């Protein structure tokens, strides 16, 4: 089903700020169907494994610390052109550059605390979805 599913996480900053409902509402309003979702907390080990692609980057340690600092909401979303449409919905990584009305423009605090993660390709959407969800957790 490449092309119609993507993966997202509502990050610890947005969960702590109480934005889960508002972010999920934006996702639903944009025509996405939630096919899997859970509230969970990443250990440092799991956060490090999820972001392993960034291991050599200077921000890796800070990213792992942040992503394991509190609960997250992990979800698989379905819609035609899911990855690209979701990336448009969430906006630029830097909320100062995010288009008006996007999730990051509305709910992100900074580049580091940017409210949501969204897969950047169909391949990564599948990898990231498989990291968080078994087949029996998808509907």
C-alpha atoms as a PDB file:
ATOM      1  CA  UNK A   1       0.000   0.000   0.000  1.00  0.00           C
ATOM      2  CA  UNK A   2       2.897   2.370  -0.606  1.00  0.00           C
ATOM      3  CA  UNK A   3       1.691   5.838  -1.293  1.00  0.00           C
ATOM      4  CA  UNK A   4      -1.359   5.851   0.916  1.00  0.00           C
ATOM      5  CA  UNK A   5       0.068   5.437   4.422  1.00  0.00           C
ATOM      6  CA  UNK A   6       2.346   7.539   6.534  1.00  0.00           C
ATOM      7  CA  UNK A   7       3.598   7.503  10.114  1.00  0.00           C
ATOM      8  CA  UNK A   8       3.427  10.289  12.669  1.00  0.00           C
ATOM      9  CA  UNK A   9       4.270  10.913  16.289  1.00  0.00           C
ATOM     10  CA  UNK A  10       2.866  13.680  18.419  1.00  0.00           C
ATOM     11  CA  UNK A  11       6.040  14.558  20.303  1.00  0.00           C
ATOM     12  CA  UNK A  12       6.493  15.003  24.083  1.00  0.00           C
ATOM     13  CA  UNK A  13       6.263  18.822  23.928  1.00  0.00           C
ATOM     14  CA  UNK A  14       2.835  18.778  22.269  1.00  0.00           C
ATOM     15  CA  UNK A  15       1.565  15.958  24.503  1.00  0.00           C
ATOM     16  CA  UNK A  16       2.694  17.845  27.618  1.00  0.00           C
ATOM     17  CA  UNK A  17       1.054  21.049  26.359  1.00  0.00           C
ATOM     18  CA  UNK A  18      -2.276  19.257  25.914  1.00  0.00           C
ATOM     19  CA  UNK A  19      -2.428  19.476  22.112  1.00  0.00           C
ATOM     20  CA  UNK A  20      -3.239  15.813  21.307  1.00  0.00           C
ATOM     21  CA  UNK A  21      -6.916  16.457  20.606  1.00  0.00           C
ATOM     22  CA  UNK A  22      -6.329  19.581  18.520  1.00  0.00           C
ATOM     23  CA  UNK A  23      -3.633  17.878  16.438  1.00  0.00           C
ATOM     24  CA  UNK A  24      -5.781  14.793  15.872  1.00  0.00           C
ATOM     25  CA  UNK A  25      -8.653  17.054  14.829  1.00  0.00           C
ATOM     26  CA  UNK A  26      -6.412  18.749  12.219  1.00  0.00           C
ATOM     27  CA  UNK A  27      -5.384  15.312  10.943  1.00  0.00           C
ATOM     28  CA  UNK A  28      -9.018  14.203  10.632  1.00  0.00           C
ATOM     29  CA  UNK A  29     -10.096  17.482   9.022  1.00  0.00           C
ATOM     30  CA  UNK A  30      -7.362  16.999   6.398  1.00  0.00           C
ATOM     31  CA  UNK A  31      -8.966  13.715   5.341  1.00  0.00           C
ATOM     32  CA  UNK A  32      -6.596  11.236   6.972  1.00  0.00           C
ATOM     33  CA  UNK A  33      -7.933   8.010   8.462  1.00  0.00           C
ATOM     34  CA  UNK A  34      -6.154   6.755  11.583  1.00  0.00           C
ATOM     35  CA  UNK A  35      -5.409   3.054  11.082  1.00  0.00           C
ATOM     36  CA  UNK A  36      -3.278   2.581  14.224  1.00  0.00           C
ATOM     37  CA  UNK A  37      -2.650   4.761  17.267  1.00  0.00           C
ATOM     38  CA  UNK A  38      -1.243   4.488  20.766  1.00  0.00           C
ATOM     39  CA  UNK A  39      -0.037   6.613  23.635  1.00  0.00           C
ATOM     40  CA  UNK A  40       3.361   5.331  24.698  1.00  0.00           C
ATOM     41  CA  UNK A  41       6.739   6.436  26.014  1.00  0.00           C
ATOM     42  CA  UNK A  42      10.005   5.743  24.241  1.00  0.00           C
ATOM     43  CA  UNK A  43      12.945   4.595  26.321  1.00  0.00           C
ATOM     44  CA  UNK A  44      16.282   6.209  25.467  1.00  0.00           C
ATOM     45  CA  UNK A  45      17.231   2.943  23.762  1.00  0.00           C
ATOM     46  CA  UNK A  46      14.073   2.888  21.594  1.00  0.00           C
ATOM     47  CA  UNK A  47      14.349   6.592  20.762  1.00  0.00           C
ATOM     48  CA  UNK A  48      17.975   6.034  19.755  1.00  0.00           C
ATOM     49  CA  UNK A  49      17.010   3.101  17.559  1.00  0.00           C
ATOM     50  CA  UNK A  50      14.179   5.059  15.921  1.00  0.00           C
ATOM     51  CA  UNK A  51      16.441   8.012  15.121  1.00  0.00           C
ATOM     52  CA  UNK A  52      19.511   5.884  14.316  1.00  0.00           C
ATOM     53  CA  UNK A  53      19.773   7.562  10.903  1.00  0.00           C
ATOM     54  CA  UNK A  54      20.846  10.729  12.780  1.00  0.00           C
ATOM     55  CA  UNK A  55      23.355   8.993  15.096  1.00  0.00           C
ATOM     56  CA  UNK A  56      26.392  10.821  13.654  1.00  0.00           C
ATOM     57  CA  UNK A  57      24.755  14.254  13.758  1.00  0.00           C
ATOM     58  CA  UNK A  58      25.596  16.661  16.585  1.00  0.00           C
ATOM     59  CA  UNK A  59      21.964  16.909  17.753  1.00  0.00           C
ATOM     60  CA  UNK A  60      21.451  13.134  18.141  1.00  0.00           C
ATOM     61  CA  UNK A  61      21.910  12.988  21.930  1.00  0.00           C
ATOM     62  CA  UNK A  62      19.621  15.951  22.500  1.00  0.00           C
ATOM     63  CA  UNK A  63      17.005  14.444  20.161  1.00  0.00           C
ATOM     64  CA  UNK A  64      17.043  11.094  21.975  1.00  0.00           C
ATOM     65  CA  UNK A  65      16.817  12.822  25.356  1.00  0.00           C
ATOM     66  CA  UNK A  66      13.865  14.932  24.198  1.00  0.00           C
ATOM     67  CA  UNK A  67      11.982  12.081  22.541  1.00  0.00           C
ATOM     68  CA  UNK A  68      12.324   9.901  25.649  1.00  0.00           C
ATOM     69  CA  UNK A  69      11.391  12.736  28.044  1.00  0.00           C
ATOM     70  CA  UNK A  70       7.649  12.047  28.092  1.00  0.00           C
ATOM     71  CA  UNK A  71       4.788  10.262  26.390  1.00  0.00           C
ATOM     72  CA  UNK A  72       4.193  10.393  22.636  1.00  0.00           C
ATOM     73  CA  UNK A  73       1.256   9.465  20.454  1.00  0.00           C
ATOM     74  CA  UNK A  74       2.317   7.189  17.598  1.00  0.00           C
ATOM     75  CA  UNK A  75      -0.049   6.752  14.656  1.00  0.00           C
ATOM     76  CA  UNK A  76      -0.319   5.362  11.160  1.00  0.00           C
ATOM     77  CA  UNK A  77      -2.400   7.523   8.852  1.00  0.00           C
ATOM     78  CA  UNK A  78      -4.049   6.609   5.578  1.00  0.00           C
ATOM     79  CA  UNK A  79      -4.967   8.835   2.638  1.00  0.00           C
ATOM     80  CA  UNK A  80      -4.036   9.036  -1.040  1.00  0.00           C
ATOM     81  CA  UNK A  81      -0.615  10.708  -1.335  1.00  0.00           C
ATOM     82  CA  UNK A  82      -0.262  10.358   2.440  1.00  0.00           C
ATOM     83  CA  UNK A  83       3.412  11.222   2.945  1.00  0.00           C
ATOM     84  CA  UNK A  84       3.406  14.381   0.859  1.00  0.00           C
ATOM     85  CA  UNK A  85       0.009  15.585   2.079  1.00  0.00           C
ATOM     86  CA  UNK A  86       0.973  15.026   5.713  1.00  0.00           C
ATOM     87  CA  UNK A  87       4.280  16.848   5.287  1.00  0.00           C
ATOM     88  CA  UNK A  88       2.285  19.790   3.904  1.00  0.00           C
ATOM     89  CA  UNK A  89      -0.151  19.623   6.840  1.00  0.00           C
ATOM     90  CA  UNK A  90       2.582  19.663   9.484  1.00  0.00           C
ATOM     91  CA  UNK A  91       4.636  22.467   7.926  1.00  0.00           C
ATOM     92  CA  UNK A  92       8.334  23.278   7.984  1.00  0.00           C
ATOM     93  CA  UNK A  93      10.578  21.833  10.710  1.00  0.00           C
ATOM     94  CA  UNK A  94      11.209  25.353  11.989  1.00  0.00           C
ATOM     95  CA  UNK A  95       7.824  26.650  13.146  1.00  0.00           C
ATOM     96  CA  UNK A  96       8.926  30.196  12.244  1.00  0.00           C
ATOM     97  CA  UNK A  97       9.049  29.030   8.604  1.00  0.00           C
ATOM     98  CA  UNK A  98       5.877  26.914   8.756  1.00  0.00           C
ATOM     99  CA  UNK A  99       2.907  28.075   6.723  1.00  0.00           C
ATOM    100  CA  UNK A 100       0.007  29.604   8.594  1.00  0.00           C
ATOM    101  CA  UNK A 101      -2.478  27.025   9.833  1.00  0.00           C
ATOM    102  CA  UNK A 102      -0.041  24.104   9.730  1.00  0.00           C
ATOM    103  CA  UNK A 103       0.371  21.947  12.824  1.00  0.00           C
ATOM    104  CA  UNK A 104       3.871  23.228  13.532  1.00  0.00           C
ATOM    105  CA  UNK A 105       2.870  26.870  13.025  1.00  0.00           C
ATOM    106  CA  UNK A 106       0.084  26.348  15.549  1.00  0.00           C
ATOM    107  CA  UNK A 107       1.669  24.045  18.142  1.00  0.00           C
ATOM    108  CA  UNK A 108       5.478  23.857  17.820  1.00  0.00           C
ATOM    109  CA  UNK A 109       7.780  25.801  20.130  1.00  0.00           C
ATOM    110  CA  UNK A 110      11.060  25.577  18.216  1.00  0.00           C
ATOM    111  CA  UNK A 111      13.052  23.539  15.693  1.00  0.00           C
ATOM    112  CA  UNK A 112      13.878  21.041  18.447  1.00  0.00           C
ATOM    113  CA  UNK A 113      10.397  20.967  20.002  1.00  0.00           C
ATOM    114  CA  UNK A 114       8.361  20.948  16.807  1.00  0.00           C
ATOM    115  CA  UNK A 115       5.226  19.107  18.001  1.00  0.00           C
ATOM    116  CA  UNK A 116       5.058  16.288  15.421  1.00  0.00           C
ATOM    117  CA  UNK A 117       7.106  13.874  13.377  1.00  0.00           C
ATOM    118  CA  UNK A 118       6.068  12.922   9.869  1.00  0.00           C
ATOM    119  CA  UNK A 119       7.680  10.333   7.614  1.00  0.00           C
ATOM    120  CA  UNK A 120       9.655  11.804   4.709  1.00  0.00           C
ATOM    121  CA  UNK A 121       9.133   8.972   2.215  1.00  0.00           C
ATOM    122  CA  UNK A 122       6.917   5.951   1.561  1.00  0.00           C
ATOM    123  CA  UNK A 123       9.835   3.690   2.452  1.00  0.00           C
ATOM    124  CA  UNK A 124      10.455   5.426   5.790  1.00  0.00           C
ATOM    125  CA  UNK A 125       6.725   5.465   6.532  1.00  0.00           C
ATOM    126  CA  UNK A 126       6.724   1.671   6.283  1.00  0.00           C
ATOM    127  CA  UNK A 127       9.901   1.293   8.368  1.00  0.00           C
ATOM    128  CA  UNK A 128       8.658   3.698  11.051  1.00  0.00           C
ATOM    129  CA  UNK A 129       5.194   2.136  11.151  1.00  0.00           C
ATOM    130  CA  UNK A 130       6.719  -1.323  11.573  1.00  0.00           C
ATOM    131  CA  UNK A 131       8.948   0.006  14.362  1.00  0.00           C
ATOM    132  CA  UNK A 132       5.909   1.032  16.431  1.00  0.00           C
ATOM    133  CA  UNK A 133       3.067  -1.285  15.382  1.00  0.00           C
ATOM    134  CA  UNK A 134       2.512  -4.981  14.767  1.00  0.00           C
ATOM    135  CA  UNK A 135       0.100  -6.073  12.043  1.00  0.00           C
ATOM    136  CA  UNK A 136      -2.620  -6.885  14.599  1.00  0.00           C
ATOM    137  CA  UNK A 137      -2.539  -3.278  15.874  1.00  0.00           C
ATOM    138  CA  UNK A 138      -3.562  -1.893  12.449  1.00  0.00           C
ATOM    139  CA  UNK A 139      -7.175  -1.528  11.374  1.00  0.00           C
END
